[in-house]
Protein backbone atom coordinates (compact mmCIF):
# COMPACT_ATOMS: atom_id res chain seq x y z
CA MET A 1 4.04 -27.96 34.08
CA ALA A 2 0.87 -26.61 31.55
CA VAL A 3 1.21 -26.67 28.31
CA TYR A 4 -0.96 -24.43 25.98
CA ARG A 5 -2.04 -25.33 22.96
CA PHE A 6 -3.13 -22.30 20.56
CA ARG A 7 -5.00 -22.19 17.02
CA VAL A 8 -3.93 -19.83 14.96
CA SER A 9 -5.46 -18.52 12.08
CA PHE A 10 -5.42 -15.68 9.61
CA GLU A 11 -8.75 -13.28 9.75
CA ASP A 12 -8.18 -13.03 6.14
CA TYR A 13 -7.25 -16.29 4.98
CA ASP A 14 -9.47 -19.06 6.37
CA ASP A 15 -7.53 -22.30 4.82
CA VAL A 16 -3.89 -21.00 7.08
CA THR A 17 -3.75 -22.32 10.08
CA ARG A 18 -1.24 -23.59 12.93
CA GLU A 19 -1.27 -24.90 16.29
CA VAL A 20 1.35 -23.80 18.79
CA ASP A 21 2.22 -25.76 22.08
CA ILE A 22 3.77 -23.51 24.38
CA LYS A 23 4.38 -23.53 28.38
CA SER A 24 2.20 -21.12 30.42
CA THR A 25 4.99 -19.95 31.79
CA HIS A 26 6.24 -18.38 28.56
CA THR A 27 5.48 -14.55 27.99
CA PHE A 28 3.59 -13.08 24.59
CA GLU A 29 6.85 -12.42 22.87
CA ASP A 30 7.52 -16.08 22.91
CA LEU A 31 4.21 -16.70 21.80
CA HIS A 32 5.16 -14.00 18.71
CA ARG A 33 7.95 -15.50 17.92
CA ALA A 34 6.79 -19.10 17.34
CA ILE A 35 4.03 -17.74 15.66
CA HIS A 36 6.41 -16.71 12.94
CA LEU A 37 8.65 -19.36 13.50
CA SER A 38 5.87 -20.88 11.45
CA THR A 39 4.47 -18.66 8.75
CA GLY A 40 8.58 -17.73 8.46
CA TYR A 41 7.76 -14.12 9.03
CA GLN A 42 10.53 -11.77 10.46
CA PRO A 43 9.21 -11.06 13.88
CA GLU A 44 10.91 -7.62 14.59
CA TYR A 45 7.75 -5.17 13.90
CA SER A 46 5.54 -3.58 16.34
CA SER A 47 2.89 -5.71 16.99
CA SER A 48 0.00 -6.29 19.64
CA PHE A 49 -2.08 -8.75 21.46
CA TYR A 50 -5.45 -8.05 22.58
CA ILE A 51 -7.51 -10.22 24.73
CA SER A 52 -10.63 -10.63 23.42
CA ASN A 53 -13.87 -12.31 23.74
CA ASP A 54 -16.29 -14.89 21.65
CA GLN A 55 -17.42 -12.30 19.15
CA TRP A 56 -12.95 -11.22 18.85
CA ILE A 57 -13.76 -7.63 20.36
CA LYS A 58 -10.42 -6.33 21.62
CA GLY A 59 -9.77 -5.47 25.07
CA GLN A 60 -6.57 -5.03 26.83
CA GLU A 61 -3.37 -4.74 25.08
CA ILE A 62 -0.06 -6.37 24.97
CA ALA A 63 2.40 -4.71 22.63
CA TYR A 64 5.62 -5.68 21.34
CA MET A 65 8.09 -2.95 20.21
CA PRO A 66 5.24 0.13 21.36
CA SER A 67 5.27 3.53 20.17
CA GLN A 68 5.79 6.01 22.74
CA ARG A 69 2.36 7.07 22.78
CA LYS A 70 1.51 3.54 23.96
CA ILE A 71 4.48 3.54 26.58
CA ASP A 72 3.29 6.38 28.27
CA ARG A 73 -0.23 5.03 28.47
CA GLY A 74 1.42 2.13 30.22
CA VAL A 75 0.26 -0.80 28.11
CA ALA A 76 1.40 -4.06 29.09
CA LEU A 77 4.64 -5.20 27.31
CA MET A 78 4.94 -8.86 25.83
CA GLU A 79 8.15 -9.60 27.01
CA LYS A 80 7.32 -8.87 30.55
CA SER A 81 3.56 -10.43 30.41
CA LYS A 82 3.38 -14.25 31.26
CA LEU A 83 0.58 -16.32 29.59
CA SER A 84 -0.96 -17.63 32.44
CA ALA A 85 -1.54 -14.07 33.89
CA PHE A 86 -3.86 -13.51 30.96
CA ILE A 87 -5.58 -16.76 30.93
CA ASP A 88 -8.78 -17.39 32.69
CA ASP A 89 -11.07 -19.06 30.34
CA PRO A 90 -10.41 -22.58 29.02
CA HIS A 91 -11.27 -21.47 25.89
CA GLN A 92 -9.31 -18.27 26.08
CA LYS A 93 -9.39 -16.00 22.68
CA PHE A 94 -6.69 -13.30 21.69
CA TYR A 95 -7.03 -10.88 18.73
CA TYR A 96 -3.18 -10.06 17.51
CA THR A 97 -2.27 -8.05 15.03
CA PHE A 98 1.27 -8.54 13.46
CA ASN A 99 3.34 -5.32 11.89
CA PHE A 100 1.16 -2.18 11.96
CA ASP A 101 2.94 -0.61 9.03
CA ARG A 102 1.61 -3.31 6.66
CA PRO A 103 -0.51 -5.35 9.09
CA PHE A 104 -1.99 -9.07 9.13
CA ASP A 105 -4.64 -10.01 11.46
CA PHE A 106 -5.19 -13.22 13.29
CA HIS A 107 -7.52 -15.48 15.73
CA ILE A 108 -5.88 -17.01 18.59
CA GLU A 109 -7.75 -19.63 20.33
CA LEU A 110 -6.79 -21.97 23.48
CA ILE A 111 -8.18 -25.34 22.56
CA LYS A 112 -6.02 -27.51 24.85
CA ILE A 113 -4.33 -27.56 27.89
CA LEU A 114 -1.58 -30.41 27.97
CA ASP A 115 0.86 -31.75 30.28
CA GLU A 116 4.77 -31.17 29.31
CA THR A 117 6.05 -34.31 26.86
CA PRO A 118 9.65 -34.84 27.51
CA GLY A 119 11.93 -34.66 24.86
CA ILE A 120 9.90 -31.65 23.05
CA THR A 121 11.19 -28.18 23.24
CA TYR A 122 8.58 -25.07 23.58
CA PRO A 123 7.18 -23.49 21.96
CA HIS A 124 6.58 -26.26 19.30
CA VAL A 125 4.56 -26.04 16.41
CA ALA A 126 2.26 -28.73 16.87
CA LYS A 127 0.17 -28.73 13.33
CA SER A 128 0.58 -26.58 10.02
CA ASN A 129 -2.24 -26.35 7.47
CA GLY A 130 -1.82 -24.09 4.17
CA GLU A 131 1.04 -21.43 3.17
CA ALA A 132 1.29 -18.29 4.33
CA PRO A 133 0.64 -15.16 2.37
CA LYS A 134 4.03 -13.40 1.69
CA GLN A 135 5.09 -11.07 4.23
CA PHE A 136 5.32 -7.93 2.22
CA GLY A 137 3.09 -8.78 -0.57
CA ASN A 138 3.39 -6.80 -3.88
CA VAL A 139 5.89 -4.02 -2.56
CA PHE A 140 5.53 -0.69 -4.27
CA THR A 141 9.01 0.34 -4.47
CA PRO A 142 10.34 4.23 -5.60
CA ALA A 143 12.30 2.73 -8.09
CA ALA A 144 9.28 1.35 -9.66
CA THR A 145 7.54 4.57 -9.91
CA THR A 146 10.60 5.92 -11.74
CA GLU A 147 10.49 3.04 -14.42
CA VAL A 148 7.16 3.94 -15.44
CA ALA A 149 7.28 7.85 -15.33
CA GLU A 150 10.48 7.13 -18.01
CA ASP A 151 8.30 4.55 -20.09
CA GLU A 152 5.78 7.68 -20.53
CA PHE A 153 7.83 9.64 -22.15
CA ASP A 154 9.36 7.10 -24.66
CA PHE A 155 7.06 8.27 -27.21
CA LEU A 156 9.17 11.58 -27.47
CA ASN A 157 12.33 9.63 -28.41
CA GLU A 158 10.66 8.03 -30.91
CA MET A 159 9.41 10.91 -32.54
CA GLU A 160 13.06 12.57 -33.00
CA TYR A 161 11.98 15.06 -29.98
CA VAL A 162 14.58 18.17 -30.39
CA ALA A 163 14.59 20.71 -27.29
CA GLU A 164 15.64 23.11 -29.47
CA GLU A 165 12.38 23.00 -31.55
CA THR A 166 10.09 23.72 -28.75
CA ALA A 167 11.98 26.64 -27.50
CA ASP A 168 11.11 28.37 -30.96
CA PHE A 169 7.18 27.80 -29.95
CA GLU A 170 7.64 29.21 -26.37
CA GLU A 171 9.78 32.08 -27.48
CA VAL A 172 6.73 33.45 -29.48
CA SER A 173 4.26 34.97 -26.59
CA ASP A 174 3.66 38.61 -29.03
CA PRO A 175 0.24 38.16 -30.93
CA ASP A 176 1.60 40.77 -33.56
CA GLU A 177 4.50 38.37 -34.26
CA VAL A 178 1.96 36.09 -34.90
CA ARG A 179 -0.31 37.90 -37.39
CA ALA A 180 2.85 38.70 -38.94
CA SER A 181 4.03 35.45 -40.20
CA PRO A 182 5.00 34.66 -44.11
CA HIS A 183 1.59 32.53 -43.82
CA MET A 184 -0.73 35.12 -43.05
CA GLU A 185 0.96 37.88 -45.59
CA GLU A 186 0.57 35.17 -48.00
CA HIS A 187 -3.08 34.82 -47.25
CA GLU A 188 -3.52 38.76 -46.72
CA GLU A 189 -2.44 38.71 -50.63
CA GLU A 190 -4.87 36.33 -51.96
CA GLU A 191 -7.65 38.42 -50.35
CA GLY A 192 -6.03 41.36 -52.31
CA GLU A 193 -6.41 39.56 -55.41
CA GLU A 194 -10.04 38.71 -54.71
CA ASP A 195 -10.89 41.81 -54.19
CA GLU A 196 -9.47 43.03 -57.59
CA PHE A 197 -12.14 40.33 -59.32
CA GLY A 198 -14.67 41.07 -57.20
CA SER A 199 -15.99 38.97 -54.59
CA GLU A 200 -19.67 37.76 -53.87
CA PHE A 201 -19.50 39.25 -50.12
CA SER A 202 -17.55 42.68 -51.61
CA ASP A 203 -21.46 44.38 -51.41
CA ASN A 204 -22.47 42.35 -47.77
CA GLU A 205 -21.68 45.39 -45.19
CA HIS A 206 -22.59 42.70 -42.50
CA PHE A 207 -19.76 40.29 -43.68
CA ASP A 208 -17.42 39.34 -41.01
CA ALA A 209 -13.70 38.95 -42.48
CA GLY A 210 -13.04 37.13 -39.91
CA GLU A 211 -15.01 33.95 -42.00
CA GLY A 212 -12.73 33.79 -44.59
CA ASP A 213 -9.45 33.29 -42.51
CA GLU A 214 -9.33 29.98 -42.79
CA TYR A 215 -6.32 28.61 -44.47
């Protein structure tokens, strides 16, 4: 029985490659699982192979755990699709996207057609180069967001923030109440004293009293 040897490479990680030997009668789901046996990834995520040309342009799709839209469209399923039915070139290529939610893209190329070797269980990882990147990278979680938000308000605790004190500021909404404050009354008394002894501005008809309100 014919055995296909595929070279599997990450599109974005050139130094990470695998060579997988798999029987021609195996399915694309078998290849999907063999690839992730070699990367250490959990395979149970929606993914697809695409028949590809030499420029890695996607053609017909062969899907695993497809969306309802793809099912309605009649997309081929990995578990029902044998490799031999989609290979008509000794250097057949497939573009492969694993896990559409957090995708990794791969180039899959047929590099040899071998005879089955007694004693080997297929699929078989014949060669492995480089360490695969982590499956989910640096995951952003809601818990991390909460910790950051709480840290941003730590300065309130350092300043011995008291909620009742801010309430006092929020309640003062009437401008007349602000003008009637003790500080303003003090300032008015000072202005009265200045008028009693005379002011260099007292005879200036254009003097704007607002200019002397700073205190």
